[in-house]
Amino acid sequence: REIPAHLAHIAEGIQDSGTTRQEARTLLAHHATA
């Protein structure tokens, strides 16, 4: 499924800060259900 642009931007910030992929998935899932 497509990721909204603002969530993709958040994901980029997560990668820059060195967050693990699992943490990124958790955070994105959290935003998706908010």
N, C-alpha and C. Protein backbone atom coordinates (compact mmCIF):
# COMPACT_ATOMS: atom_id res chain seq x y z
N ARG A 1 0.83 -1.20 0.00
CA ARG A 1 0.00 0.00 0.00
C ARG A 1 0.87 1.25 0.00
N GLU A 2 0.31 2.33 -0.43
CA GLU A 2 1.05 3.59 -0.55
C GLU A 2 1.22 4.27 0.81
N ILE A 3 2.40 4.82 1.04
CA ILE A 3 2.65 5.55 2.28
C ILE A 3 2.42 7.04 2.02
N PRO A 4 1.58 7.70 2.84
CA PRO A 4 1.37 9.14 2.68
C PRO A 4 2.68 9.90 2.76
N ALA A 5 2.75 11.01 2.04
CA ALA A 5 4.00 11.78 1.92
C ALA A 5 4.54 12.20 3.29
N HIS A 6 3.66 12.63 4.19
CA HIS A 6 4.15 13.09 5.49
C HIS A 6 4.72 11.94 6.32
N LEU A 7 4.18 10.74 6.14
CA LEU A 7 4.73 9.58 6.84
C LEU A 7 6.06 9.16 6.23
N ALA A 8 6.17 9.27 4.91
CA ALA A 8 7.44 8.97 4.25
C ALA A 8 8.52 9.92 4.76
N HIS A 9 8.15 11.17 4.96
CA HIS A 9 9.09 12.17 5.47
C HIS A 9 9.52 11.82 6.89
N ILE A 10 8.58 11.38 7.70
CA ILE A 10 8.90 10.92 9.06
C ILE A 10 9.86 9.74 9.00
N ALA A 11 9.60 8.81 8.08
CA ALA A 11 10.45 7.63 7.94
C ALA A 11 11.88 8.03 7.59
N GLU A 12 12.03 9.03 6.74
CA GLU A 12 13.37 9.52 6.39
C GLU A 12 14.08 10.07 7.62
N GLY A 13 13.35 10.81 8.43
CA GLY A 13 13.93 11.36 9.66
C GLY A 13 14.34 10.26 10.62
N ILE A 14 13.54 9.20 10.68
CA ILE A 14 13.86 8.04 11.52
C ILE A 14 15.17 7.41 11.07
N GLN A 15 15.32 7.22 9.77
CA GLN A 15 16.53 6.61 9.23
C GLN A 15 17.75 7.49 9.54
N ASP A 16 17.57 8.81 9.41
CA ASP A 16 18.66 9.74 9.68
C ASP A 16 19.11 9.68 11.14
N SER A 17 18.16 9.46 12.03
CA SER A 17 18.47 9.43 13.46
C SER A 17 18.98 8.06 13.91
N GLY A 18 19.05 7.11 12.99
CA GLY A 18 19.62 5.80 13.29
C GLY A 18 18.64 4.85 13.96
N THR A 19 17.36 5.15 13.88
CA THR A 19 16.36 4.25 14.44
C THR A 19 16.31 2.95 13.63
N THR A 20 16.11 1.84 14.29
CA THR A 20 16.07 0.57 13.59
C THR A 20 14.80 0.45 12.75
N ARG A 21 14.83 -0.47 11.79
CA ARG A 21 13.69 -0.67 10.90
C ARG A 21 12.46 -1.09 11.70
N GLN A 22 12.65 -1.92 12.71
CA GLN A 22 11.52 -2.36 13.53
C GLN A 22 10.88 -1.19 14.26
N GLU A 23 11.71 -0.32 14.82
CA GLU A 23 11.19 0.86 15.50
C GLU A 23 10.47 1.77 14.53
N ALA A 24 11.01 1.87 13.32
CA ALA A 24 10.38 2.70 12.29
C ALA A 24 8.99 2.16 11.95
N ARG A 25 8.89 0.84 11.80
CA ARG A 25 7.60 0.22 11.47
C ARG A 25 6.59 0.49 12.59
N THR A 26 7.05 0.37 13.83
CA THR A 26 6.18 0.60 14.98
C THR A 26 5.67 2.04 14.99
N LEU A 27 6.60 2.98 14.75
CA LEU A 27 6.22 4.39 14.77
C LEU A 27 5.26 4.71 13.63
N LEU A 28 5.54 4.16 12.45
CA LEU A 28 4.66 4.41 11.30
C LEU A 28 3.28 3.81 11.54
N ALA A 29 3.24 2.63 12.13
CA ALA A 29 1.95 2.01 12.44
C ALA A 29 1.19 2.86 13.44
N HIS A 30 1.91 3.44 14.38
CA HIS A 30 1.32 4.31 15.39
C HIS A 30 0.70 5.54 14.75
N HIS A 31 1.42 6.14 13.81
CA HIS A 31 0.92 7.31 13.11
C HIS A 31 -0.27 6.95 12.22
N ALA A 32 -0.22 5.77 11.61
CA ALA A 32 -1.27 5.36 10.67
C ALA A 32 -2.61 5.18 11.39
N THR A 33 -2.56 4.81 12.67
CA THR A 33 -3.80 4.55 13.41
C THR A 33 -4.24 5.76 14.24
N ALA A 34 -3.42 6.80 14.27
CA ALA A 34 -3.72 7.97 15.09
C ALA A 34 -4.91 8.75 14.53
